[in-house]
Amino acid sequence: MASAHRHMKISGDEFVAVLDDAVNTLEANDVGQGEQEEVLWASHWDLSIA
């Protein structure tokens, strides 16, 4: 994920904000915890190399 978006210079804080929005949206639509974890795992990004 990091290599695909490195040129966008997204900060760690910006990425966390996107994840927060995603979790809020999933919760608002009654998506189960397991499915939420799958979405978050699929969007995993190693912030240490950003």
PDB file of N, CA and C in Angstrom:
ATOM      1  N   MET A   1       0.819  -1.185   0.000  1.00  0.00           N
ATOM      2  CA  MET A   1       0.000   0.000   0.000  1.00  0.00           C
ATOM      3  C   MET A   1       0.869   1.257   0.000  1.00  0.00           C
ATOM      4  N   ALA A   2       1.925   1.244   0.791  1.00  0.00           N
ATOM      5  CA  ALA A   2       2.774   2.430   0.882  1.00  0.00           C
ATOM      6  C   ALA A   2       3.397   2.777  -0.460  1.00  0.00           C
ATOM      7  N   SER A   3       3.915   1.777  -1.173  1.00  0.00           N
ATOM      8  CA  SER A   3       4.576   2.064  -2.449  1.00  0.00           C
ATOM      9  C   SER A   3       3.598   2.616  -3.479  1.00  0.00           C
ATOM     10  N   ALA A   4       2.362   2.179  -3.428  1.00  0.00           N
ATOM     11  CA  ALA A   4       1.362   2.652  -4.388  1.00  0.00           C
ATOM     12  C   ALA A   4       0.959   4.103  -4.142  1.00  0.00           C
ATOM     13  N   HIS A   5       1.125   4.579  -2.915  1.00  0.00           N
ATOM     14  CA  HIS A   5       0.663   5.924  -2.569  1.00  0.00           C
ATOM     15  C   HIS A   5       1.775   6.855  -2.097  1.00  0.00           C
ATOM     16  N   ARG A   6       3.017   6.394  -2.153  1.00  0.00           N
ATOM     17  CA  ARG A   6       4.141   7.193  -1.655  1.00  0.00           C
ATOM     18  C   ARG A   6       4.188   8.573  -2.301  1.00  0.00           C
ATOM     19  N   HIS A   7       3.940   8.642  -3.597  1.00  0.00           N
ATOM     20  CA  HIS A   7       4.020   9.924  -4.312  1.00  0.00           C
ATOM     21  C   HIS A   7       2.994  10.943  -3.813  1.00  0.00           C
ATOM     22  N   MET A   8       1.977  10.476  -3.096  1.00  0.00           N
ATOM     23  CA  MET A   8       0.937  11.367  -2.582  1.00  0.00           C
ATOM     24  C   MET A   8       1.360  12.044  -1.276  1.00  0.00           C
ATOM     25  N   LYS A   9       2.441  11.554  -0.674  1.00  0.00           N
ATOM     26  CA  LYS A   9       2.985  12.127   0.558  1.00  0.00           C
ATOM     27  C   LYS A   9       1.918  12.237   1.646  1.00  0.00           C
ATOM     28  N   ILE A  10       1.186  11.147   1.869  1.00  0.00           N
ATOM     29  CA  ILE A  10       0.157  11.096   2.899  1.00  0.00           C
ATOM     30  C   ILE A  10       0.840  10.877   4.241  1.00  0.00           C
ATOM     31  N   SER A  11       0.541  11.744   5.190  1.00  0.00           N
ATOM     32  CA  SER A  11       1.157  11.604   6.511  1.00  0.00           C
ATOM     33  C   SER A  11       0.461  10.491   7.293  1.00  0.00           C
ATOM     34  N   GLY A  12       1.123  10.042   8.333  1.00  0.00           N
ATOM     35  CA  GLY A  12       0.523   9.033   9.205  1.00  0.00           C
ATOM     36  C   GLY A  12      -0.793   9.519   9.793  1.00  0.00           C
ATOM     37  N   ASP A  13      -0.836  10.782  10.204  1.00  0.00           N
ATOM     38  CA  ASP A  13      -2.068  11.338  10.774  1.00  0.00           C
ATOM     39  C   ASP A  13      -3.199  11.359   9.753  1.00  0.00           C
ATOM     40  N   GLU A  14      -2.875  11.688   8.512  1.00  0.00           N
ATOM     41  CA  GLU A  14      -3.900  11.696   7.461  1.00  0.00           C
ATOM     42  C   GLU A  14      -4.432  10.288   7.207  1.00  0.00           C
ATOM     43  N   PHE A  15      -3.536   9.320   7.211  1.00  0.00           N
ATOM     44  CA  PHE A  15      -3.969   7.946   6.978  1.00  0.00           C
ATOM     45  C   PHE A  15      -4.850   7.455   8.118  1.00  0.00           C
ATOM     46  N   VAL A  16      -4.482   7.774   9.344  1.00  0.00           N
ATOM     47  CA  VAL A  16      -5.302   7.383  10.495  1.00  0.00           C
ATOM     48  C   VAL A  16      -6.679   8.042  10.405  1.00  0.00           C
ATOM     49  N   ALA A  17      -6.744   9.271   9.938  1.00  0.00           N
ATOM     50  CA  ALA A  17      -8.033   9.944   9.776  1.00  0.00           C
ATOM     51  C   ALA A  17      -8.920   9.204   8.771  1.00  0.00           C
ATOM     52  N   VAL A  18      -8.316   8.708   7.701  1.00  0.00           N
ATOM     53  CA  VAL A  18      -9.070   7.924   6.716  1.00  0.00           C
ATOM     54  C   VAL A  18      -9.588   6.643   7.354  1.00  0.00           C
ATOM     55  N   LEU A  19      -8.748   5.973   8.122  1.00  0.00           N
ATOM     56  CA  LEU A  19      -9.185   4.750   8.792  1.00  0.00           C
ATOM     57  C   LEU A  19     -10.300   5.037   9.784  1.00  0.00           C
ATOM     58  N   ASP A  20     -10.195   6.148  10.514  1.00  0.00           N
ATOM     59  CA  ASP A  20     -11.259   6.535  11.447  1.00  0.00           C
ATOM     60  C   ASP A  20     -12.576   6.725  10.707  1.00  0.00           C
ATOM     61  N   ASP A  21     -12.520   7.403   9.570  1.00  0.00           N
ATOM     62  CA  ASP A  21     -13.729   7.605   8.763  1.00  0.00           C
ATOM     63  C   ASP A  21     -14.295   6.271   8.287  1.00  0.00           C
ATOM     64  N   ALA A  22     -13.415   5.370   7.875  1.00  0.00           N
ATOM     65  CA  ALA A  22     -13.858   4.060   7.400  1.00  0.00           C
ATOM     66  C   ALA A  22     -14.541   3.286   8.514  1.00  0.00           C
ATOM     67  N   VAL A  23     -13.944   3.283   9.701  1.00  0.00           N
ATOM     68  CA  VAL A  23     -14.537   2.562  10.831  1.00  0.00           C
ATOM     69  C   VAL A  23     -15.889   3.170  11.197  1.00  0.00           C
ATOM     70  N   ASN A  24     -15.971   4.473  11.237  1.00  0.00           N
ATOM     71  CA  ASN A  24     -17.241   5.128  11.552  1.00  0.00           C
ATOM     72  C   ASN A  24     -18.318   4.764  10.539  1.00  0.00           C
ATOM     73  N   THR A  25     -17.955   4.712   9.275  1.00  0.00           N
ATOM     74  CA  THR A  25     -18.901   4.349   8.229  1.00  0.00           C
ATOM     75  C   THR A  25     -19.347   2.899   8.365  1.00  0.00           C
ATOM     76  N   LEU A  26     -18.393   2.013   8.630  1.00  0.00           N
ATOM     77  CA  LEU A  26     -18.729   0.598   8.813  1.00  0.00           C
ATOM     78  C   LEU A  26     -19.660   0.420  10.003  1.00  0.00           C
ATOM     79  N   GLU A  27     -19.354   1.097  11.100  1.00  0.00           N
ATOM     80  CA  GLU A  27     -20.198   0.995  12.288  1.00  0.00           C
ATOM     81  C   GLU A  27     -21.591   1.565  12.030  1.00  0.00           C
ATOM     82  N   ALA A  28     -21.670   2.674  11.321  1.00  0.00           N
ATOM     83  CA  ALA A  28     -22.957   3.298  11.020  1.00  0.00           C
ATOM     84  C   ALA A  28     -23.836   2.400  10.151  1.00  0.00           C
ATOM     85  N   ASN A  29     -23.195   1.496   9.423  1.00  0.00           N
ATOM     86  CA  ASN A  29     -23.930   0.585   8.550  1.00  0.00           C
ATOM     87  C   ASN A  29     -24.022  -0.820   9.127  1.00  0.00           C
ATOM     88  N   ASP A  30     -23.815  -0.910  10.449  1.00  0.00           N
ATOM     89  CA  ASP A  30     -23.962  -2.174  11.178  1.00  0.00           C
ATOM     90  C   ASP A  30     -23.122  -3.317  10.619  1.00  0.00           C
ATOM     91  N   VAL A  31     -21.923  -2.988  10.161  1.00  0.00           N
ATOM     92  CA  VAL A  31     -20.995  -4.018   9.691  1.00  0.00           C
ATOM     93  C   VAL A  31     -20.373  -4.664  10.927  1.00  0.00           C
ATOM     94  N   GLY A  32     -20.338  -5.973  10.955  1.00  0.00           N
ATOM     95  CA  GLY A  32     -19.829  -6.703  12.105  1.00  0.00           C
ATOM     96  C   GLY A  32     -18.351  -6.479  12.358  1.00  0.00           C
ATOM     97  N   GLN A  33     -17.940  -6.764  13.585  1.00  0.00           N
ATOM     98  CA  GLN A  33     -16.544  -6.565  13.993  1.00  0.00           C
ATOM     99  C   GLN A  33     -15.577  -7.351  13.111  1.00  0.00           C
ATOM    100  N   GLY A  34     -15.905  -8.608  12.811  1.00  0.00           N
ATOM    101  CA  GLY A  34     -15.017  -9.421  11.987  1.00  0.00           C
ATOM    102  C   GLY A  34     -14.821  -8.842  10.604  1.00  0.00           C
ATOM    103  N   GLU A  35     -15.895  -8.369  10.018  1.00  0.00           N
ATOM    104  CA  GLU A  35     -15.805  -7.767   8.687  1.00  0.00           C
ATOM    105  C   GLU A  35     -15.037  -6.450   8.738  1.00  0.00           C
ATOM    106  N   GLN A  36     -15.233  -5.682   9.816  1.00  0.00           N
ATOM    107  CA  GLN A  36     -14.468  -4.437   9.962  1.00  0.00           C
ATOM    108  C   GLN A  36     -12.974  -4.741  10.015  1.00  0.00           C
ATOM    109  N   GLU A  37     -12.621  -5.777  10.770  1.00  0.00           N
ATOM    110  CA  GLU A  37     -11.214  -6.145  10.865  1.00  0.00           C
ATOM    111  C   GLU A  37     -10.652  -6.572   9.514  1.00  0.00           C
ATOM    112  N   GLU A  38     -11.455  -7.256   8.709  1.00  0.00           N
ATOM    113  CA  GLU A  38     -11.004  -7.645   7.368  1.00  0.00           C
ATOM    114  C   GLU A  38     -10.715  -6.419   6.509  1.00  0.00           C
ATOM    115  N   VAL A  39     -11.602  -5.429   6.583  1.00  0.00           N
ATOM    116  CA  VAL A  39     -11.406  -4.201   5.800  1.00  0.00           C
ATOM    117  C   VAL A  39     -10.138  -3.487   6.260  1.00  0.00           C
ATOM    118  N   LEU A  40      -9.968  -3.380   7.575  1.00  0.00           N
ATOM    119  CA  LEU A  40      -8.786  -2.689   8.088  1.00  0.00           C
ATOM    120  C   LEU A  40      -7.514  -3.448   7.750  1.00  0.00           C
ATOM    121  N   TRP A  41      -7.558  -4.771   7.819  1.00  0.00           N
ATOM    122  CA  TRP A  41      -6.381  -5.567   7.467  1.00  0.00           C
ATOM    123  C   TRP A  41      -6.044  -5.375   5.983  1.00  0.00           C
ATOM    124  N   ALA A  42      -7.057  -5.332   5.136  1.00  0.00           N
ATOM    125  CA  ALA A  42      -6.832  -5.169   3.695  1.00  0.00           C
ATOM    126  C   ALA A  42      -6.225  -3.805   3.380  1.00  0.00           C
ATOM    127  N   SER A  43      -6.476  -2.819   4.234  1.00  0.00           N
ATOM    128  CA  SER A  43      -5.943  -1.478   3.985  1.00  0.00           C
ATOM    129  C   SER A  43      -4.686  -1.208   4.802  1.00  0.00           C
ATOM    130  N   HIS A  44      -4.085  -2.276   5.357  1.00  0.00           N
ATOM    131  CA  HIS A  44      -2.879  -2.123   6.177  1.00  0.00           C
ATOM    132  C   HIS A  44      -1.797  -1.387   5.412  1.00  0.00           C
ATOM    133  N   TRP A  45      -1.142  -0.493   6.120  1.00  0.00           N
ATOM    134  CA  TRP A  45      -0.077   0.297   5.514  1.00  0.00           C
ATOM    135  C   TRP A  45       1.008   0.478   6.565  1.00  0.00           C
ATOM    136  N   ASP A  46       2.226   0.183   6.225  1.00  0.00           N
ATOM    137  CA  ASP A  46       3.343   0.318   7.156  1.00  0.00           C
ATOM    138  C   ASP A  46       3.751   1.795   7.207  1.00  0.00           C
ATOM    139  N   LEU A  47       3.313   2.483   8.261  1.00  0.00           N
ATOM    140  CA  LEU A  47       3.572   3.920   8.380  1.00  0.00           C
ATOM    141  C   LEU A  47       5.052   4.227   8.540  1.00  0.00           C
ATOM    142  N   SER A  48       5.852   3.259   8.936  1.00  0.00           N
ATOM    143  CA  SER A  48       7.267   3.529   9.159  1.00  0.00           C
ATOM    144  C   SER A  48       8.030   3.768   7.855  1.00  0.00           C
ATOM    145  N   ILE A  49       7.457   3.387   6.715  1.00  0.00           N
ATOM    146  CA  ILE A  49       8.168   3.583   5.455  1.00  0.00           C
ATOM    147  C   ILE A  49       7.517   4.654   4.594  1.00  0.00           C
ATOM    148  N   ALA A  50       6.528   5.333   5.119  1.00  0.00           N
ATOM    149  CA  ALA A  50       5.818   6.358   4.339  1.00  0.00           C
ATOM    150  C   ALA A  50       6.645   7.625   4.224  1.00  0.00           C
TER     151      ALA A  50
END
